[in-house]
Amino acid sequence: MSAVPPFNTRYLTELEIADHLGVSVSCLRRWRTERRGPPFTKISTLVRYPLNELEAWIATLPKGGEQERRRT
């Protein structure tokens, strides 16, 4: 039995997610087929992205710009 998301979960469209991430819709679609992008849900033929899962996915991405302090 799969978990059912809360009824009040907000779902975003491909266009909204692509805009939020600063990528093209085609890039988002490629990520989806490669299973490396944010989690999504299919509702019939519609692809939707749960906002709470998008935020969790972003939090797992590597962070850049931080240098490890060298011990001297």
PDB file of N, CA and C in Angstrom:
ATOM      1  N   MET A   1       0.845  -1.180   0.000  1.00  0.00           N
ATOM      2  CA  MET A   1       0.000   0.000   0.000  1.00  0.00           C
ATOM      3  C   MET A   1       0.886   1.237   0.000  1.00  0.00           C
ATOM      4  N   SER A   2       0.693   2.124  -0.974  1.00  0.00           N
ATOM      5  CA  SER A   2       1.540   3.307  -1.066  1.00  0.00           C
ATOM      6  C   SER A   2       0.988   4.427  -0.192  1.00  0.00           C
ATOM      7  N   ALA A   3       1.892   5.293   0.228  1.00  0.00           N
ATOM      8  CA  ALA A   3       1.501   6.416   1.079  1.00  0.00           C
ATOM      9  C   ALA A   3       0.729   7.441   0.259  1.00  0.00           C
ATOM     10  N   VAL A   4      -0.310   7.956   0.841  1.00  0.00           N
ATOM     11  CA  VAL A   4      -1.116   8.974   0.174  1.00  0.00           C
ATOM     12  C   VAL A   4      -0.701  10.331   0.728  1.00  0.00           C
ATOM     13  N   PRO A   5      -0.319  11.277  -0.153  1.00  0.00           N
ATOM     14  CA  PRO A   5       0.085  12.590   0.353  1.00  0.00           C
ATOM     15  C   PRO A   5      -1.095  13.309   0.991  1.00  0.00           C
ATOM     16  N   PRO A   6      -0.820  14.223   1.909  1.00  0.00           N
ATOM     17  CA  PRO A   6      -1.897  14.979   2.541  1.00  0.00           C
ATOM     18  C   PRO A   6      -2.743  15.700   1.491  1.00  0.00           C
ATOM     19  N   PHE A   7      -4.019  15.821   1.768  1.00  0.00           N
ATOM     20  CA  PHE A   7      -4.934  16.448   0.824  1.00  0.00           C
ATOM     21  C   PHE A   7      -4.548  17.895   0.533  1.00  0.00           C
ATOM     22  N   ASN A   8      -3.952  18.568   1.495  1.00  0.00           N
ATOM     23  CA  ASN A   8      -3.613  19.979   1.313  1.00  0.00           C
ATOM     24  C   ASN A   8      -2.248  20.203   0.670  1.00  0.00           C
ATOM     25  N   THR A   9      -1.631  19.134   0.122  1.00  0.00           N
ATOM     26  CA  THR A   9      -0.346  19.277  -0.565  1.00  0.00           C
ATOM     27  C   THR A   9      -0.532  20.124  -1.816  1.00  0.00           C
ATOM     28  N   ARG A  10       0.371  21.082  -2.007  1.00  0.00           N
ATOM     29  CA  ARG A  10       0.320  21.922  -3.204  1.00  0.00           C
ATOM     30  C   ARG A  10       1.155  21.272  -4.289  1.00  0.00           C
ATOM     31  N   TYR A  11       0.583  21.162  -5.478  1.00  0.00           N
ATOM     32  CA  TYR A  11       1.270  20.582  -6.625  1.00  0.00           C
ATOM     33  C   TYR A  11       1.578  21.672  -7.634  1.00  0.00           C
ATOM     34  N   LEU A  12       2.791  21.626  -8.197  1.00  0.00           N
ATOM     35  CA  LEU A  12       3.219  22.611  -9.176  1.00  0.00           C
ATOM     36  C   LEU A  12       3.346  21.960 -10.549  1.00  0.00           C
ATOM     37  N   THR A  13       3.188  22.766 -11.581  1.00  0.00           N
ATOM     38  CA  THR A  13       3.298  22.273 -12.952  1.00  0.00           C
ATOM     39  C   THR A  13       4.767  22.229 -13.377  1.00  0.00           C
ATOM     40  N   GLU A  14       5.002  21.599 -14.510  1.00  0.00           N
ATOM     41  CA  GLU A  14       6.360  21.567 -15.076  1.00  0.00           C
ATOM     42  C   GLU A  14       6.886  22.981 -15.294  1.00  0.00           C
ATOM     43  N   LEU A  15       6.053  23.841 -15.829  1.00  0.00           N
ATOM     44  CA  LEU A  15       6.474  25.213 -16.118  1.00  0.00           C
ATOM     45  C   LEU A  15       6.851  25.954 -14.834  1.00  0.00           C
ATOM     46  N   GLU A  16       6.061  25.773 -13.786  1.00  0.00           N
ATOM     47  CA  GLU A  16       6.357  26.432 -12.508  1.00  0.00           C
ATOM     48  C   GLU A  16       7.669  25.922 -11.926  1.00  0.00           C
ATOM     49  N   ILE A  17       7.882  24.606 -11.987  1.00  0.00           N
ATOM     50  CA  ILE A  17       9.119  24.031 -11.441  1.00  0.00           C
ATOM     51  C   ILE A  17      10.331  24.468 -12.259  1.00  0.00           C
ATOM     52  N   ALA A  18      10.205  24.413 -13.580  1.00  0.00           N
ATOM     53  CA  ALA A  18      11.313  24.826 -14.447  1.00  0.00           C
ATOM     54  C   ALA A  18      11.683  26.281 -14.179  1.00  0.00           C
ATOM     55  N   ASP A  19      10.689  27.129 -14.043  1.00  0.00           N
ATOM     56  CA  ASP A  19      10.927  28.544 -13.760  1.00  0.00           C
ATOM     57  C   ASP A  19      11.601  28.718 -12.403  1.00  0.00           C
ATOM     58  N   HIS A  20      11.126  27.994 -11.415  1.00  0.00           N
ATOM     59  CA  HIS A  20      11.678  28.080 -10.055  1.00  0.00           C
ATOM     60  C   HIS A  20      13.143  27.641 -10.014  1.00  0.00           C
ATOM     61  N   LEU A  21      13.459  26.576 -10.781  1.00  0.00           N
ATOM     62  CA  LEU A  21      14.826  26.050 -10.787  1.00  0.00           C
ATOM     63  C   LEU A  21      15.730  26.743 -11.789  1.00  0.00           C
ATOM     64  N   GLY A  22      15.133  27.535 -12.686  1.00  0.00           N
ATOM     65  CA  GLY A  22      15.930  28.224 -13.699  1.00  0.00           C
ATOM     66  C   GLY A  22      16.423  27.307 -14.802  1.00  0.00           C
ATOM     67  N   VAL A  23      15.626  26.288 -15.122  1.00  0.00           N
ATOM     68  CA  VAL A  23      15.967  25.365 -16.200  1.00  0.00           C
ATOM     69  C   VAL A  23      14.809  25.335 -17.189  1.00  0.00           C
ATOM     70  N   SER A  24      15.049  24.767 -18.364  1.00  0.00           N
ATOM     71  CA  SER A  24      13.982  24.656 -19.356  1.00  0.00           C
ATOM     72  C   SER A  24      13.064  23.482 -19.001  1.00  0.00           C
ATOM     73  N   VAL A  25      11.866  23.511 -19.558  1.00  0.00           N
ATOM     74  CA  VAL A  25      10.935  22.408 -19.356  1.00  0.00           C
ATOM     75  C   VAL A  25      11.517  21.131 -19.964  1.00  0.00           C
ATOM     76  N   SER A  26      12.203  21.246 -21.102  1.00  0.00           N
ATOM     77  CA  SER A  26      12.794  20.050 -21.720  1.00  0.00           C
ATOM     78  C   SER A  26      13.884  19.458 -20.821  1.00  0.00           C
ATOM     79  N   CYS A  27      14.632  20.295 -20.124  1.00  0.00           N
ATOM     80  CA  CYS A  27      15.646  19.806 -19.182  1.00  0.00           C
ATOM     81  C   CYS A  27      14.962  19.054 -18.039  1.00  0.00           C
ATOM     82  N   LEU A  28      13.900  19.623 -17.528  1.00  0.00           N
ATOM     83  CA  LEU A  28      13.149  18.982 -16.446  1.00  0.00           C
ATOM     84  C   LEU A  28      12.595  17.629 -16.905  1.00  0.00           C
ATOM     85  N   ARG A  29      12.096  17.575 -18.126  1.00  0.00           N
ATOM     86  CA  ARG A  29      11.578  16.314 -18.675  1.00  0.00           C
ATOM     87  C   ARG A  29      12.688  15.282 -18.835  1.00  0.00           C
ATOM     88  N   ARG A  30      13.867  15.720 -19.274  1.00  0.00           N
ATOM     89  CA  ARG A  30      15.003  14.808 -19.416  1.00  0.00           C
ATOM     90  C   ARG A  30      15.396  14.261 -18.044  1.00  0.00           C
ATOM     91  N   TRP A  31      15.453  15.135 -17.033  1.00  0.00           N
ATOM     92  CA  TRP A  31      15.763  14.682 -15.678  1.00  0.00           C
ATOM     93  C   TRP A  31      14.760  13.627 -15.226  1.00  0.00           C
ATOM     94  N   ARG A  32      13.495  13.862 -15.572  1.00  0.00           N
ATOM     95  CA  ARG A  32      12.448  12.930 -15.151  1.00  0.00           C
ATOM     96  C   ARG A  32      12.660  11.559 -15.788  1.00  0.00           C
ATOM     97  N   THR A  33      12.980  11.505 -17.074  1.00  0.00           N
ATOM     98  CA  THR A  33      13.197  10.219 -17.738  1.00  0.00           C
ATOM     99  C   THR A  33      14.466   9.538 -17.236  1.00  0.00           C
ATOM    100  N   GLU A  34      15.437  10.333 -16.799  1.00  0.00           N
ATOM    101  CA  GLU A  34      16.684   9.788 -16.257  1.00  0.00           C
ATOM    102  C   GLU A  34      16.567   9.503 -14.756  1.00  0.00           C
ATOM    103  N   ARG A  35      15.419   9.835 -14.171  1.00  0.00           N
ATOM    104  CA  ARG A  35      15.151   9.652 -12.743  1.00  0.00           C
ATOM    105  C   ARG A  35      16.185  10.338 -11.861  1.00  0.00           C
ATOM    106  N   ARG A  36      16.534  11.586 -12.229  1.00  0.00           N
ATOM    107  CA  ARG A  36      17.499  12.323 -11.413  1.00  0.00           C
ATOM    108  C   ARG A  36      16.989  13.685 -10.983  1.00  0.00           C
ATOM    109  N   GLY A  37      15.789  14.024 -11.344  1.00  0.00           N
ATOM    110  CA  GLY A  37      15.213  15.306 -10.965  1.00  0.00           C
ATOM    111  C   GLY A  37      14.358  15.191  -9.720  1.00  0.00           C
ATOM    112  N   PRO A  38      13.589  16.230  -9.452  1.00  0.00           N
ATOM    113  CA  PRO A  38      12.730  16.213  -8.263  1.00  0.00           C
ATOM    114  C   PRO A  38      11.616  15.179  -8.400  1.00  0.00           C
ATOM    115  N   PRO A  39      11.136  14.656  -7.275  1.00  0.00           N
ATOM    116  CA  PRO A  39      10.044  13.681  -7.307  1.00  0.00           C
ATOM    117  C   PRO A  39       8.790  14.284  -7.935  1.00  0.00           C
ATOM    118  N   PHE A  40       8.052  13.458  -8.664  1.00  0.00           N
ATOM    119  CA  PHE A  40       6.844  13.937  -9.325  1.00  0.00           C
ATOM    120  C   PHE A  40       5.724  12.927  -9.135  1.00  0.00           C
ATOM    121  N   THR A  41       4.523  13.378  -9.446  1.00  0.00           N
ATOM    122  CA  THR A  41       3.335  12.544  -9.378  1.00  0.00           C
ATOM    123  C   THR A  41       2.616  12.655 -10.708  1.00  0.00           C
ATOM    124  N   LYS A  42       2.119  11.529 -11.210  1.00  0.00           N
ATOM    125  CA  LYS A  42       1.310  11.574 -12.427  1.00  0.00           C
ATOM    126  C   LYS A  42      -0.150  11.457 -12.026  1.00  0.00           C
ATOM    127  N   ILE A  43      -0.945  12.394 -12.501  1.00  0.00           N
ATOM    128  CA  ILE A  43      -2.380  12.388 -12.296  1.00  0.00           C
ATOM    129  C   ILE A  43      -2.975  12.249 -13.688  1.00  0.00           C
ATOM    130  N   SER A  44      -3.341  11.035 -14.033  1.00  0.00           N
ATOM    131  CA  SER A  44      -3.755  10.702 -15.392  1.00  0.00           C
ATOM    132  C   SER A  44      -2.563  10.994 -16.305  1.00  0.00           C
ATOM    133  N   THR A  45      -2.691  11.918 -17.245  1.00  0.00           N
ATOM    134  CA  THR A  45      -1.567  12.257 -18.122  1.00  0.00           C
ATOM    135  C   THR A  45      -0.799  13.480 -17.640  1.00  0.00           C
ATOM    136  N   LEU A  46      -1.259  14.074 -16.551  1.00  0.00           N
ATOM    137  CA  LEU A  46      -0.624  15.290 -16.033  1.00  0.00           C
ATOM    138  C   LEU A  46       0.542  14.945 -15.125  1.00  0.00           C
ATOM    139  N   VAL A  47       1.627  15.689 -15.251  1.00  0.00           N
ATOM    140  CA  VAL A  47       2.778  15.534 -14.369  1.00  0.00           C
ATOM    141  C   VAL A  47       2.764  16.708 -13.408  1.00  0.00           C
ATOM    142  N   ARG A  48       2.787  16.405 -12.132  1.00  0.00           N
ATOM    143  CA  ARG A  48       2.780  17.444 -11.110  1.00  0.00           C
ATOM    144  C   ARG A  48       3.864  17.154 -10.084  1.00  0.00           C
ATOM    145  N   TYR A  49       4.372  18.228  -9.498  1.00  0.00           N
ATOM    146  CA  TYR A  49       5.448  18.132  -8.521  1.00  0.00           C
ATOM    147  C   TYR A  49       4.948  18.620  -7.163  1.00  0.00           C
ATOM    148  N   PRO A  50       4.933  17.733  -6.145  1.00  0.00           N
ATOM    149  CA  PRO A  50       4.525  18.172  -4.813  1.00  0.00           C
ATOM    150  C   PRO A  50       5.548  19.169  -4.254  1.00  0.00           C
ATOM    151  N   LEU A  51       5.079  20.317  -3.825  1.00  0.00           N
ATOM    152  CA  LEU A  51       5.966  21.377  -3.347  1.00  0.00           C
ATOM    153  C   LEU A  51       6.830  20.908  -2.184  1.00  0.00           C
ATOM    154  N   ASN A  52       6.250  20.186  -1.240  1.00  0.00           N
ATOM    155  CA  ASN A  52       7.037  19.744  -0.080  1.00  0.00           C
ATOM    156  C   ASN A  52       8.150  18.779  -0.492  1.00  0.00           C
ATOM    157  N   GLU A  53       7.911  17.944  -1.502  1.00  0.00           N
ATOM    158  CA  GLU A  53       8.954  17.027  -1.965  1.00  0.00           C
ATOM    159  C   GLU A  53      10.016  17.755  -2.773  1.00  0.00           C
ATOM    160  N   LEU A  54       9.628  18.811  -3.482  1.00  0.00           N
ATOM    161  CA  LEU A  54      10.607  19.631  -4.202  1.00  0.00           C
ATOM    162  C   LEU A  54      11.569  20.276  -3.215  1.00  0.00           C
ATOM    163  N   GLU A  55      11.022  20.838  -2.143  1.00  0.00           N
ATOM    164  CA  GLU A  55      11.873  21.478  -1.131  1.00  0.00           C
ATOM    165  C   GLU A  55      12.824  20.470  -0.498  1.00  0.00           C
ATOM    166  N   ALA A  56      12.331  19.260  -0.223  1.00  0.00           N
ATOM    167  CA  ALA A  56      13.191  18.222   0.356  1.00  0.00           C
ATOM    168  C   ALA A  56      14.281  17.809  -0.629  1.00  0.00           C
ATOM    169  N   TRP A  57      13.936  17.698  -1.921  1.00  0.00           N
ATOM    170  CA  TRP A  57      14.917  17.333  -2.945  1.00  0.00           C
ATOM    171  C   TRP A  57      16.008  18.400  -3.049  1.00  0.00           C
ATOM    172  N   ILE A  58      15.611  19.654  -3.059  1.00  0.00           N
ATOM    173  CA  ILE A  58      16.589  20.753  -3.133  1.00  0.00           C
ATOM    174  C   ILE A  58      17.535  20.704  -1.941  1.00  0.00           C
ATOM    175  N   ALA A  59      17.001  20.390  -0.763  1.00  0.00           N
ATOM    176  CA  ALA A  59      17.828  20.332   0.447  1.00  0.00           C
ATOM    177  C   ALA A  59      18.884  19.234   0.374  1.00  0.00           C
ATOM    178  N   THR A  60      18.663  18.209  -0.450  1.00  0.00           N
ATOM    179  CA  THR A  60      19.632  17.115  -0.553  1.00  0.00           C
ATOM    180  C   THR A  60      20.740  17.384  -1.568  1.00  0.00           C
ATOM    181  N   LEU A  61      20.592  18.427  -2.371  1.00  0.00           N
ATOM    182  CA  LEU A  61      21.591  18.709  -3.405  1.00  0.00           C
ATOM    183  C   LEU A  61      22.888  19.202  -2.783  1.00  0.00           C
ATOM    184  N   PRO A  62      24.013  18.887  -3.428  1.00  0.00           N
ATOM    185  CA  PRO A  62      25.302  19.357  -2.904  1.00  0.00           C
ATOM    186  C   PRO A  62      25.375  20.875  -2.919  1.00  0.00           C
ATOM    187  N   LYS A  63      26.030  21.403  -1.936  1.00  0.00           N
ATOM    188  CA  LYS A  63      26.212  22.858  -1.838  1.00  0.00           C
ATOM    189  C   LYS A  63      27.587  23.214  -2.365  1.00  0.00           C
ATOM    190  N   GLY A  64      27.694  24.310  -3.074  1.00  0.00           N
ATOM    191  CA  GLY A  64      28.979  24.744  -3.612  1.00  0.00           C
ATOM    192  C   GLY A  64      29.451  26.021  -2.950  1.00  0.00           C
ATOM    193  N   GLY A  65      30.703  26.357  -3.190  1.00  0.00           N
ATOM    194  CA  GLY A  65      31.239  27.620  -2.719  1.00  0.00           C
ATOM    195  C   GLY A  65      31.799  27.591  -1.318  1.00  0.00           C
ATOM    196  N   GLU A  66      31.656  26.474  -0.634  1.00  0.00           N
ATOM    197  CA  GLU A  66      32.188  26.391   0.714  1.00  0.00           C
ATOM    198  C   GLU A  66      33.510  25.627   0.674  1.00  0.00           C
ATOM    199  N   GLN A  67      34.544  26.278   1.134  1.00  0.00           N
ATOM    200  CA  GLN A  67      35.845  25.612   1.150  1.00  0.00           C
ATOM    201  C   GLN A  67      36.098  25.037   2.531  1.00  0.00           C
ATOM    202  N   GLU A  68      36.661  23.847   2.518  1.00  0.00           N
ATOM    203  CA  GLU A  68      37.014  23.228   3.795  1.00  0.00           C
ATOM    204  C   GLU A  68      38.204  23.975   4.379  1.00  0.00           C
ATOM    205  N   ARG A  69      38.156  24.239   5.645  1.00  0.00           N
ATOM    206  CA  ARG A  69      39.265  24.935   6.308  1.00  0.00           C
ATOM    207  C   ARG A  69      40.454  23.994   6.425  1.00  0.00           C
ATOM    208  N   ARG A  70      41.596  24.512   6.027  1.00  0.00           N
ATOM    209  CA  ARG A  70      42.824  23.714   6.107  1.00  0.00           C
ATOM    210  C   ARG A  70      43.426  23.862   7.504  1.00  0.00           C
ATOM    211  N   ARG A  71      43.911  22.759   7.997  1.00  0.00           N
ATOM    212  CA  ARG A  71      44.604  22.796   9.289  1.00  0.00           C
ATOM    213  C   ARG A  71      46.082  22.992   9.031  1.00  0.00           C
ATOM    214  N   THR A  72      46.656  24.024   9.605  1.00  0.00           N
ATOM    215  CA  THR A  72      48.080  24.283   9.392  1.00  0.00           C
ATOM    216  C   THR A  72      48.836  24.207  10.680  1.00  0.00           C
TER     217      THR A  72
END
